[in-house]
Amino acid sequence: MGMSDAVPEPSQEVAVDPEHDPAAPAPLNVPRTPTGDAEVDARLERLGDADHLATDGHMEVYEDVHRGLRDALTALDARPGPPAPSPSYDQRAPSPSYGTRS
């Protein structure tokens, strides 16, 4: 058996994955850091849906996420805040005798 018999000839054909389509949507794998707010985090996770859509489908996802985030911010503005601090002293003008010394 000669040397050329033991080494297989390299194939001239390049193996092509029939499943791979370079024009197909590909995930961007952009990390989404949790914010700690479940509603906001759910909206941000929805952005991942765009990874599997053709470009013309991205707008619907982005608009949906934007609408949800805007609603979440509006809800924060509508929440009652802490009560205003009550005055700890009488805010009326001082009496005339207060400013004079004898």
PDB file of N, CA and C in Angstrom:
ATOM      1  N   MET A   1       0.848  -1.169   0.000  1.00  0.00           N
ATOM      2  CA  MET A   1       0.000   0.000   0.000  1.00  0.00           C
ATOM      3  C   MET A   1       0.898   1.238   0.000  1.00  0.00           C
ATOM      4  N   GLY A   2       0.688   2.117  -0.955  1.00  0.00           N
ATOM      5  CA  GLY A   2       1.524   3.293  -1.085  1.00  0.00           C
ATOM      6  C   GLY A   2       0.989   4.449  -0.249  1.00  0.00           C
ATOM      7  N   MET A   3       1.804   5.483  -0.183  1.00  0.00           N
ATOM      8  CA  MET A   3       1.447   6.656   0.601  1.00  0.00           C
ATOM      9  C   MET A   3       0.172   7.299   0.079  1.00  0.00           C
ATOM     10  N   SER A   4       0.002   7.347  -1.221  1.00  0.00           N
ATOM     11  CA  SER A   4      -1.174   7.993  -1.783  1.00  0.00           C
ATOM     12  C   SER A   4      -2.436   7.191  -1.513  1.00  0.00           C
ATOM     13  N   ASP A   5      -2.315   5.910  -1.260  1.00  0.00           N
ATOM     14  CA  ASP A   5      -3.492   5.091  -0.956  1.00  0.00           C
ATOM     15  C   ASP A   5      -4.020   5.378   0.449  1.00  0.00           C
ATOM     16  N   ALA A   6      -3.163   5.780   1.399  1.00  0.00           N
ATOM     17  CA  ALA A   6      -3.568   5.976   2.782  1.00  0.00           C
ATOM     18  C   ALA A   6      -4.183   7.357   3.016  1.00  0.00           C
ATOM     19  N   VAL A   7      -3.854   8.343   2.205  1.00  0.00           N
ATOM     20  CA  VAL A   7      -4.352   9.702   2.406  1.00  0.00           C
ATOM     21  C   VAL A   7      -5.495   9.951   1.436  1.00  0.00           C
ATOM     22  N   PRO A   8      -6.670  10.266   1.948  1.00  0.00           N
ATOM     23  CA  PRO A   8      -7.787  10.519   1.037  1.00  0.00           C
ATOM     24  C   PRO A   8      -7.585  11.831   0.290  1.00  0.00           C
ATOM     25  N   GLU A   9      -8.066  11.863  -0.919  1.00  0.00           N
ATOM     26  CA  GLU A   9      -7.991  13.079  -1.729  1.00  0.00           C
ATOM     27  C   GLU A   9      -8.916  14.138  -1.135  1.00  0.00           C
ATOM     28  N   PRO A  10      -8.476  15.409  -1.049  1.00  0.00           N
ATOM     29  CA  PRO A  10      -9.391  16.438  -0.556  1.00  0.00           C
ATOM     30  C   PRO A  10     -10.522  16.647  -1.559  1.00  0.00           C
ATOM     31  N   SER A  11     -11.675  16.854  -1.036  1.00  0.00           N
ATOM     32  CA  SER A  11     -12.843  17.032  -1.889  1.00  0.00           C
ATOM     33  C   SER A  11     -12.795  18.419  -2.513  1.00  0.00           C
ATOM     34  N   GLN A  12     -13.122  18.511  -3.757  1.00  0.00           N
ATOM     35  CA  GLN A  12     -13.144  19.791  -4.457  1.00  0.00           C
ATOM     36  C   GLN A  12     -14.429  20.564  -4.163  1.00  0.00           C
ATOM     37  N   GLU A  13     -15.433  19.870  -3.666  1.00  0.00           N
ATOM     38  CA  GLU A  13     -16.710  20.522  -3.371  1.00  0.00           C
ATOM     39  C   GLU A  13     -16.695  21.079  -1.950  1.00  0.00           C
ATOM     40  N   VAL A  14     -17.235  22.255  -1.791  1.00  0.00           N
ATOM     41  CA  VAL A  14     -17.357  22.858  -0.472  1.00  0.00           C
ATOM     42  C   VAL A  14     -18.706  22.432   0.077  1.00  0.00           C
ATOM     43  N   ALA A  15     -18.694  21.928   1.291  1.00  0.00           N
ATOM     44  CA  ALA A  15     -19.952  21.494   1.898  1.00  0.00           C
ATOM     45  C   ALA A  15     -20.815  22.726   2.168  1.00  0.00           C
ATOM     46  N   VAL A  16     -22.016  22.713   1.660  1.00  0.00           N
ATOM     47  CA  VAL A  16     -22.943  23.822   1.846  1.00  0.00           C
ATOM     48  C   VAL A  16     -24.104  23.320   2.676  1.00  0.00           C
ATOM     49  N   ASP A  17     -24.401  24.056   3.724  1.00  0.00           N
ATOM     50  CA  ASP A  17     -25.532  23.700   4.581  1.00  0.00           C
ATOM     51  C   ASP A  17     -26.803  24.133   3.862  1.00  0.00           C
ATOM     52  N   PRO A  18     -27.628  23.179   3.446  1.00  0.00           N
ATOM     53  CA  PRO A  18     -28.849  23.561   2.723  1.00  0.00           C
ATOM     54  C   PRO A  18     -29.822  24.348   3.601  1.00  0.00           C
ATOM     55  N   GLU A  19     -29.667  24.259   4.913  1.00  0.00           N
ATOM     56  CA  GLU A  19     -30.545  24.980   5.838  1.00  0.00           C
ATOM     57  C   GLU A  19     -30.132  26.445   5.978  1.00  0.00           C
ATOM     58  N   HIS A  20     -28.870  26.766   5.680  1.00  0.00           N
ATOM     59  CA  HIS A  20     -28.358  28.125   5.891  1.00  0.00           C
ATOM     60  C   HIS A  20     -28.690  29.016   4.704  1.00  0.00           C
ATOM     61  N   ASP A  21     -29.354  30.107   4.993  1.00  0.00           N
ATOM     62  CA  ASP A  21     -29.678  31.106   3.980  1.00  0.00           C
ATOM     63  C   ASP A  21     -29.124  32.429   4.484  1.00  0.00           C
ATOM     64  N   PRO A  22     -28.085  32.969   3.846  1.00  0.00           N
ATOM     65  CA  PRO A  22     -27.490  34.207   4.349  1.00  0.00           C
ATOM     66  C   PRO A  22     -28.462  35.384   4.376  1.00  0.00           C
ATOM     67  N   ALA A  23     -29.529  35.321   3.598  1.00  0.00           N
ATOM     68  CA  ALA A  23     -30.514  36.406   3.594  1.00  0.00           C
ATOM     69  C   ALA A  23     -31.590  36.207   4.654  1.00  0.00           C
ATOM     70  N   ALA A  24     -31.561  35.067   5.324  1.00  0.00           N
ATOM     71  CA  ALA A  24     -32.576  34.776   6.348  1.00  0.00           C
ATOM     72  C   ALA A  24     -32.308  35.605   7.601  1.00  0.00           C
ATOM     73  N   PRO A  25     -33.348  35.843   8.399  1.00  0.00           N
ATOM     74  CA  PRO A  25     -33.144  36.580   9.656  1.00  0.00           C
ATOM     75  C   PRO A  25     -32.144  35.851  10.547  1.00  0.00           C
ATOM     76  N   ALA A  26     -31.299  36.605  11.185  1.00  0.00           N
ATOM     77  CA  ALA A  26     -30.315  36.034  12.104  1.00  0.00           C
ATOM     78  C   ALA A  26     -30.392  36.798  13.418  1.00  0.00           C
ATOM     79  N   PRO A  27     -30.371  36.087  14.529  1.00  0.00           N
ATOM     80  CA  PRO A  27     -30.429  36.763  15.831  1.00  0.00           C
ATOM     81  C   PRO A  27     -29.250  37.714  16.003  1.00  0.00           C
ATOM     82  N   LEU A  28     -29.528  38.864  16.579  1.00  0.00           N
ATOM     83  CA  LEU A  28     -28.461  39.825  16.864  1.00  0.00           C
ATOM     84  C   LEU A  28     -27.761  39.493  18.175  1.00  0.00           C
ATOM     85  N   ASN A  29     -28.439  38.721  19.018  1.00  0.00           N
ATOM     86  CA  ASN A  29     -27.889  38.329  20.316  1.00  0.00           C
ATOM     87  C   ASN A  29     -27.467  39.533  21.152  1.00  0.00           C
ATOM     88  N   VAL A  30     -28.270  40.578  21.109  1.00  0.00           N
ATOM     89  CA  VAL A  30     -28.013  41.756  21.928  1.00  0.00           C
ATOM     90  C   VAL A  30     -28.487  41.445  23.339  1.00  0.00           C
ATOM     91  N   PRO A  31     -27.605  41.548  24.328  1.00  0.00           N
ATOM     92  CA  PRO A  31     -28.032  41.237  25.699  1.00  0.00           C
ATOM     93  C   PRO A  31     -29.035  42.272  26.205  1.00  0.00           C
ATOM     94  N   ARG A  32     -30.014  41.793  26.920  1.00  0.00           N
ATOM     95  CA  ARG A  32     -31.022  42.664  27.530  1.00  0.00           C
ATOM     96  C   ARG A  32     -30.877  42.524  29.039  1.00  0.00           C
ATOM     97  N   THR A  33     -30.362  43.549  29.664  1.00  0.00           N
ATOM     98  CA  THR A  33     -30.119  43.545  31.105  1.00  0.00           C
ATOM     99  C   THR A  33     -31.423  43.791  31.845  1.00  0.00           C
ATOM    100  N   PRO A  34     -31.780  42.914  32.786  1.00  0.00           N
ATOM    101  CA  PRO A  34     -33.018  43.121  33.551  1.00  0.00           C
ATOM    102  C   PRO A  34     -32.991  44.451  34.300  1.00  0.00           C
ATOM    103  N   THR A  35     -34.145  45.096  34.328  1.00  0.00           N
ATOM    104  CA  THR A  35     -34.263  46.391  35.002  1.00  0.00           C
ATOM    105  C   THR A  35     -34.754  46.251  36.431  1.00  0.00           C
ATOM    106  N   GLY A  36     -35.369  45.107  36.741  1.00  0.00           N
ATOM    107  CA  GLY A  36     -35.958  44.927  38.061  1.00  0.00           C
ATOM    108  C   GLY A  36     -37.449  45.199  38.060  1.00  0.00           C
ATOM    109  N   ASP A  37     -37.957  45.756  36.978  1.00  0.00           N
ATOM    110  CA  ASP A  37     -39.393  45.991  36.834  1.00  0.00           C
ATOM    111  C   ASP A  37     -39.918  44.925  35.877  1.00  0.00           C
ATOM    112  N   ALA A  38     -40.782  44.046  36.377  1.00  0.00           N
ATOM    113  CA  ALA A  38     -41.246  42.901  35.589  1.00  0.00           C
ATOM    114  C   ALA A  38     -41.917  43.330  34.286  1.00  0.00           C
ATOM    115  N   GLU A  39     -42.715  44.388  34.332  1.00  0.00           N
ATOM    116  CA  GLU A  39     -43.417  44.839  33.122  1.00  0.00           C
ATOM    117  C   GLU A  39     -42.427  45.355  32.076  1.00  0.00           C
ATOM    118  N   VAL A  40     -41.467  46.140  32.503  1.00  0.00           N
ATOM    119  CA  VAL A  40     -40.459  46.679  31.586  1.00  0.00           C
ATOM    120  C   VAL A  40     -39.595  45.546  31.045  1.00  0.00           C
ATOM    121  N   ASP A  41     -39.185  44.620  31.914  1.00  0.00           N
ATOM    122  CA  ASP A  41     -38.358  43.496  31.478  1.00  0.00           C
ATOM    123  C   ASP A  41     -39.080  42.648  30.437  1.00  0.00           C
ATOM    124  N   ALA A  42     -40.378  42.433  30.618  1.00  0.00           N
ATOM    125  CA  ALA A  42     -41.152  41.652  29.647  1.00  0.00           C
ATOM    126  C   ALA A  42     -41.181  42.366  28.298  1.00  0.00           C
ATOM    127  N   ARG A  43     -41.320  43.678  28.321  1.00  0.00           N
ATOM    128  CA  ARG A  43     -41.330  44.449  27.063  1.00  0.00           C
ATOM    129  C   ARG A  43     -39.975  44.353  26.371  1.00  0.00           C
ATOM    130  N   LEU A  44     -38.904  44.471  27.137  1.00  0.00           N
ATOM    131  CA  LEU A  44     -37.573  44.396  26.543  1.00  0.00           C
ATOM    132  C   LEU A  44     -37.294  43.007  25.976  1.00  0.00           C
ATOM    133  N   GLU A  45     -37.777  41.970  26.638  1.00  0.00           N
ATOM    134  CA  GLU A  45     -37.613  40.610  26.122  1.00  0.00           C
ATOM    135  C   GLU A  45     -38.334  40.448  24.792  1.00  0.00           C
ATOM    136  N   ARG A  46     -39.425  41.171  24.619  1.00  0.00           N
ATOM    137  CA  ARG A  46     -40.195  41.115  23.366  1.00  0.00           C
ATOM    138  C   ARG A  46     -39.331  41.553  22.186  1.00  0.00           C
ATOM    139  N   LEU A  47     -38.327  42.390  22.436  1.00  0.00           N
ATOM    140  CA  LEU A  47     -37.426  42.795  21.354  1.00  0.00           C
ATOM    141  C   LEU A  47     -36.750  41.590  20.705  1.00  0.00           C
ATOM    142  N   GLY A  48     -36.558  40.522  21.471  1.00  0.00           N
ATOM    143  CA  GLY A  48     -35.955  39.309  20.937  1.00  0.00           C
ATOM    144  C   GLY A  48     -36.779  38.673  19.836  1.00  0.00           C
ATOM    145  N   ASP A  49     -38.075  38.975  19.793  1.00  0.00           N
ATOM    146  CA  ASP A  49     -38.927  38.437  18.727  1.00  0.00           C
ATOM    147  C   ASP A  49     -38.473  38.931  17.359  1.00  0.00           C
ATOM    148  N   ALA A  50     -37.881  40.108  17.310  1.00  0.00           N
ATOM    149  CA  ALA A  50     -37.415  40.660  16.034  1.00  0.00           C
ATOM    150  C   ALA A  50     -36.258  39.845  15.465  1.00  0.00           C
ATOM    151  N   ASP A  51     -35.545  39.108  16.314  1.00  0.00           N
ATOM    152  CA  ASP A  51     -34.418  38.293  15.847  1.00  0.00           C
ATOM    153  C   ASP A  51     -34.839  37.248  14.826  1.00  0.00           C
ATOM    154  N   HIS A  52     -36.082  36.835  14.864  1.00  0.00           N
ATOM    155  CA  HIS A  52     -36.532  35.738  14.013  1.00  0.00           C
ATOM    156  C   HIS A  52     -37.448  36.212  12.900  1.00  0.00           C
ATOM    157  N   LEU A  53     -37.526  37.523  12.706  1.00  0.00           N
ATOM    158  CA  LEU A  53     -38.391  38.093  11.676  1.00  0.00           C
ATOM    159  C   LEU A  53     -37.557  38.740  10.584  1.00  0.00           C
ATOM    160  N   ALA A  54     -38.135  38.784   9.399  1.00  0.00           N
ATOM    161  CA  ALA A  54     -37.506  39.552   8.329  1.00  0.00           C
ATOM    162  C   ALA A  54     -37.560  41.023   8.730  1.00  0.00           C
ATOM    163  N   THR A  55     -36.716  41.816   8.131  1.00  0.00           N
ATOM    164  CA  THR A  55     -36.612  43.227   8.496  1.00  0.00           C
ATOM    165  C   THR A  55     -37.954  43.937   8.459  1.00  0.00           C
ATOM    166  N   ASP A  56     -38.794  43.605   7.493  1.00  0.00           N
ATOM    167  CA  ASP A  56     -40.084  44.298   7.397  1.00  0.00           C
ATOM    168  C   ASP A  56     -41.009  43.967   8.566  1.00  0.00           C
ATOM    169  N   GLY A  57     -40.701  42.961   9.360  1.00  0.00           N
ATOM    170  CA  GLY A  57     -41.494  42.632  10.538  1.00  0.00           C
ATOM    171  C   GLY A  57     -41.003  43.297  11.813  1.00  0.00           C
ATOM    172  N   HIS A  58     -39.832  43.918  11.756  1.00  0.00           N
ATOM    173  CA  HIS A  58     -39.259  44.546  12.953  1.00  0.00           C
ATOM    174  C   HIS A  58     -40.099  45.711  13.452  1.00  0.00           C
ATOM    175  N   MET A  59     -40.634  46.501  12.540  1.00  0.00           N
ATOM    176  CA  MET A  59     -41.355  47.714  12.931  1.00  0.00           C
ATOM    177  C   MET A  59     -42.512  47.393  13.871  1.00  0.00           C
ATOM    178  N   GLU A  60     -43.242  46.339  13.587  1.00  0.00           N
ATOM    179  CA  GLU A  60     -44.377  45.971  14.445  1.00  0.00           C
ATOM    180  C   GLU A  60     -43.906  45.656  15.863  1.00  0.00           C
ATOM    181  N   VAL A  61     -42.803  44.924  15.976  1.00  0.00           N
ATOM    182  CA  VAL A  61     -42.262  44.582  17.295  1.00  0.00           C
ATOM    183  C   VAL A  61     -41.796  45.848  18.011  1.00  0.00           C
ATOM    184  N   TYR A  62     -41.039  46.693  17.314  1.00  0.00           N
ATOM    185  CA  TYR A  62     -40.524  47.917  17.935  1.00  0.00           C
ATOM    186  C   TYR A  62     -41.655  48.830  18.391  1.00  0.00           C
ATOM    187  N   GLU A  63     -42.688  48.965  17.551  1.00  0.00           N
ATOM    188  CA  GLU A  63     -43.817  49.822  17.933  1.00  0.00           C
ATOM    189  C   GLU A  63     -44.550  49.260  19.140  1.00  0.00           C
ATOM    190  N   ASP A  64     -44.705  47.933  19.183  1.00  0.00           N
ATOM    191  CA  ASP A  64     -45.374  47.296  20.318  1.00  0.00           C
ATOM    192  C   ASP A  64     -44.580  47.526  21.603  1.00  0.00           C
ATOM    193  N   VAL A  65     -43.269  47.338  21.526  1.00  0.00           N
ATOM    194  CA  VAL A  65     -42.415  47.539  22.705  1.00  0.00           C
ATOM    195  C   VAL A  65     -42.445  49.008  23.125  1.00  0.00           C
ATOM    196  N   HIS A  66     -42.350  49.904  22.168  1.00  0.00           N
ATOM    197  CA  HIS A  66     -42.372  51.336  22.481  1.00  0.00           C
ATOM    198  C   HIS A  66     -43.679  51.718  23.154  1.00  0.00           C
ATOM    199  N   ARG A  67     -44.789  51.224  22.624  1.00  0.00           N
ATOM    200  CA  ARG A  67     -46.107  51.513  23.204  1.00  0.00           C
ATOM    201  C   ARG A  67     -46.169  51.006  24.644  1.00  0.00           C
ATOM    202  N   GLY A  68     -45.691  49.788  24.877  1.00  0.00           N
ATOM    203  CA  GLY A  68     -45.710  49.218  26.222  1.00  0.00           C
ATOM    204  C   GLY A  68     -44.841  49.987  27.201  1.00  0.00           C
ATOM    205  N   LEU A  69     -43.642  50.398  26.755  1.00  0.00           N
ATOM    206  CA  LEU A  69     -42.758  51.171  27.635  1.00  0.00           C
ATOM    207  C   LEU A  69     -43.346  52.550  27.921  1.00  0.00           C
ATOM    208  N   ARG A  70     -43.953  53.155  26.908  1.00  0.00           N
ATOM    209  CA  ARG A  70     -44.588  54.466  27.110  1.00  0.00           C
ATOM    210  C   ARG A  70     -45.731  54.345  28.108  1.00  0.00           C
ATOM    211  N   ASP A  71     -46.533  53.270  27.994  1.00  0.00           N
ATOM    212  CA  ASP A  71     -47.631  53.050  28.946  1.00  0.00           C
ATOM    213  C   ASP A  71     -47.097  52.854  30.361  1.00  0.00           C
ATOM    214  N   ALA A  72     -45.976  52.130  30.488  1.00  0.00           N
ATOM    215  CA  ALA A  72     -45.383  51.906  31.813  1.00  0.00           C
ATOM    216  C   ALA A  72     -44.913  53.229  32.420  1.00  0.00           C
ATOM    217  N   LEU A  73     -44.319  54.089  31.602  1.00  0.00           N
ATOM    218  CA  LEU A  73     -43.884  55.399  32.110  1.00  0.00           C
ATOM    219  C   LEU A  73     -45.074  56.273  32.483  1.00  0.00           C
ATOM    220  N   THR A  74     -46.118  56.224  31.680  1.00  0.00           N
ATOM    221  CA  THR A  74     -47.323  57.000  31.980  1.00  0.00           C
ATOM    222  C   THR A  74     -47.928  56.537  33.297  1.00  0.00           C
ATOM    223  N   ALA A  75     -47.924  55.227  33.524  1.00  0.00           N
ATOM    224  CA  ALA A  75     -48.465  54.688  34.775  1.00  0.00           C
ATOM    225  C   ALA A  75     -47.644  55.171  35.969  1.00  0.00           C
ATOM    226  N   LEU A  76     -46.337  55.293  35.799  1.00  0.00           N
ATOM    227  CA  LEU A  76     -45.501  55.805  36.893  1.00  0.00           C
ATOM    228  C   LEU A  76     -45.857  57.250  37.212  1.00  0.00           C
ATOM    229  N   ASP A  77     -46.123  58.040  36.182  1.00  0.00           N
ATOM    230  CA  ASP A  77     -46.504  59.440  36.401  1.00  0.00           C
ATOM    231  C   ASP A  77     -47.858  59.557  37.077  1.00  0.00           C
ATOM    232  N   ALA A  78     -48.737  58.599  36.839  1.00  0.00           N
ATOM    233  CA  ALA A  78     -50.091  58.661  37.399  1.00  0.00           C
ATOM    234  C   ALA A  78     -50.146  58.197  38.850  1.00  0.00           C
ATOM    235  N   ARG A  79     -49.120  57.457  39.278  1.00  0.00           N
ATOM    236  CA  ARG A  79     -49.103  56.969  40.661  1.00  0.00           C
ATOM    237  C   ARG A  79     -48.991  58.121  41.633  1.00  0.00           C
ATOM    238  N   PRO A  80     -49.751  58.066  42.713  1.00  0.00           N
ATOM    239  CA  PRO A  80     -49.588  59.138  43.703  1.00  0.00           C
ATOM    240  C   PRO A  80     -48.215  59.020  44.363  1.00  0.00           C
ATOM    241  N   GLY A  81     -47.595  60.139  44.533  1.00  0.00           N
ATOM    242  CA  GLY A  81     -46.284  60.165  45.173  1.00  0.00           C
ATOM    243  C   GLY A  81     -46.441  60.219  46.677  1.00  0.00           C
ATOM    244  N   PRO A  82     -45.351  60.349  47.374  1.00  0.00           N
ATOM    245  CA  PRO A  82     -45.432  60.449  48.835  1.00  0.00           C
ATOM    246  C   PRO A  82     -46.131  61.754  49.206  1.00  0.00           C
ATOM    247  N   PRO A  83     -46.765  61.780  50.349  1.00  0.00           N
ATOM    248  CA  PRO A  83     -47.450  63.008  50.757  1.00  0.00           C
ATOM    249  C   PRO A  83     -46.440  64.137  50.956  1.00  0.00           C
ATOM    250  N   ALA A  84     -46.903  65.336  50.714  1.00  0.00           N
ATOM    251  CA  ALA A  84     -46.041  66.502  50.907  1.00  0.00           C
ATOM    252  C   ALA A  84     -45.726  66.634  52.390  1.00  0.00           C
ATOM    253  N   PRO A  85     -44.527  67.064  52.719  1.00  0.00           N
ATOM    254  CA  PRO A  85     -44.189  67.213  54.139  1.00  0.00           C
ATOM    255  C   PRO A  85     -45.052  68.304  54.771  1.00  0.00           C
ATOM    256  N   SER A  86     -45.469  68.038  55.982  1.00  0.00           N
ATOM    257  CA  SER A  86     -46.268  69.049  56.682  1.00  0.00           C
ATOM    258  C   SER A  86     -45.311  70.049  57.315  1.00  0.00           C
ATOM    259  N   PRO A  87     -45.710  71.296  57.329  1.00  0.00           N
ATOM    260  CA  PRO A  87     -44.821  72.301  57.923  1.00  0.00           C
ATOM    261  C   PRO A  87     -44.645  72.028  59.416  1.00  0.00           C
ATOM    262  N   SER A  88     -43.420  72.143  59.873  1.00  0.00           N
ATOM    263  CA  SER A  88     -43.152  71.880  61.289  1.00  0.00           C
ATOM    264  C   SER A  88     -43.186  73.157  62.112  1.00  0.00           C
ATOM    265  N   TYR A  89     -43.387  74.270  61.454  1.00  0.00           N
ATOM    266  CA  TYR A  89     -43.476  75.539  62.179  1.00  0.00           C
ATOM    267  C   TYR A  89     -44.508  76.421  61.484  1.00  0.00           C
ATOM    268  N   ASP A  90     -44.904  77.463  62.164  1.00  0.00           N
ATOM    269  CA  ASP A  90     -45.894  78.395  61.635  1.00  0.00           C
ATOM    270  C   ASP A  90     -45.215  79.240  60.557  1.00  0.00           C
ATOM    271  N   GLN A  91     -45.763  79.201  59.327  1.00  0.00           N
ATOM    272  CA  GLN A  91     -45.137  79.906  58.222  1.00  0.00           C
ATOM    273  C   GLN A  91     -45.610  81.353  58.081  1.00  0.00           C
ATOM    274  N   ARG A  92     -46.403  81.841  59.022  1.00  0.00           N
ATOM    275  CA  ARG A  92     -46.826  83.244  58.942  1.00  0.00           C
ATOM    276  C   ARG A  92     -45.642  84.158  59.217  1.00  0.00           C
ATOM    277  N   ALA A  93     -45.779  85.388  58.823  1.00  0.00           N
ATOM    278  CA  ALA A  93     -44.707  86.364  59.049  1.00  0.00           C
ATOM    279  C   ALA A  93     -44.473  86.525  60.542  1.00  0.00           C
ATOM    280  N   PRO A  94     -43.231  86.739  60.934  1.00  0.00           N
ATOM    281  CA  PRO A  94     -42.950  86.916  62.369  1.00  0.00           C
ATOM    282  C   PRO A  94     -43.629  88.176  62.893  1.00  0.00           C
ATOM    283  N   SER A  95     -43.933  88.149  64.147  1.00  0.00           N
ATOM    284  CA  SER A  95     -44.570  89.319  64.769  1.00  0.00           C
ATOM    285  C   SER A  95     -43.580  90.471  64.781  1.00  0.00           C
ATOM    286  N   PRO A  96     -44.068  91.714  64.803  1.00  0.00           N
ATOM    287  CA  PRO A  96     -43.165  92.874  64.771  1.00  0.00           C
ATOM    288  C   PRO A  96     -42.165  92.860  65.921  1.00  0.00           C
ATOM    289  N   SER A  97     -42.505  92.328  67.059  1.00  0.00           N
ATOM    290  CA  SER A  97     -41.582  92.353  68.197  1.00  0.00           C
ATOM    291  C   SER A  97     -40.448  91.343  68.022  1.00  0.00           C
ATOM    292  N   TYR A  98     -40.587  90.411  67.115  1.00  0.00           N
ATOM    293  CA  TYR A  98     -39.574  89.380  66.915  1.00  0.00           C
ATOM    294  C   TYR A  98     -38.273  89.977  66.407  1.00  0.00           C
ATOM    295  N   GLY A  99     -38.355  90.939  65.498  1.00  0.00           N
ATOM    296  CA  GLY A  99     -37.165  91.491  64.881  1.00  0.00           C
ATOM    297  C   GLY A  99     -36.524  92.626  65.665  1.00  0.00           C
ATOM    298  N   THR A 100     -37.114  93.104  66.735  1.00  0.00           N
ATOM    299  CA  THR A 100     -36.536  94.227  67.493  1.00  0.00           C
ATOM    300  C   THR A 100     -35.921  93.730  68.780  1.00  0.00           C
ATOM    301  N   ARG A 101     -34.820  94.339  69.142  1.00  0.00           N
ATOM    302  CA  ARG A 101     -34.167  93.980  70.402  1.00  0.00           C
ATOM    303  C   ARG A 101     -34.270  95.159  71.352  1.00  0.00           C
ATOM    304  N   SER A 102     -34.318  94.866  72.592  1.00  0.00           N
ATOM    305  CA  SER A 102     -34.392  95.959  73.553  1.00  0.00           C
ATOM    306  C   SER A 102     -33.092  96.176  74.257  1.00  0.00           C
TER     307      SER A 102
END
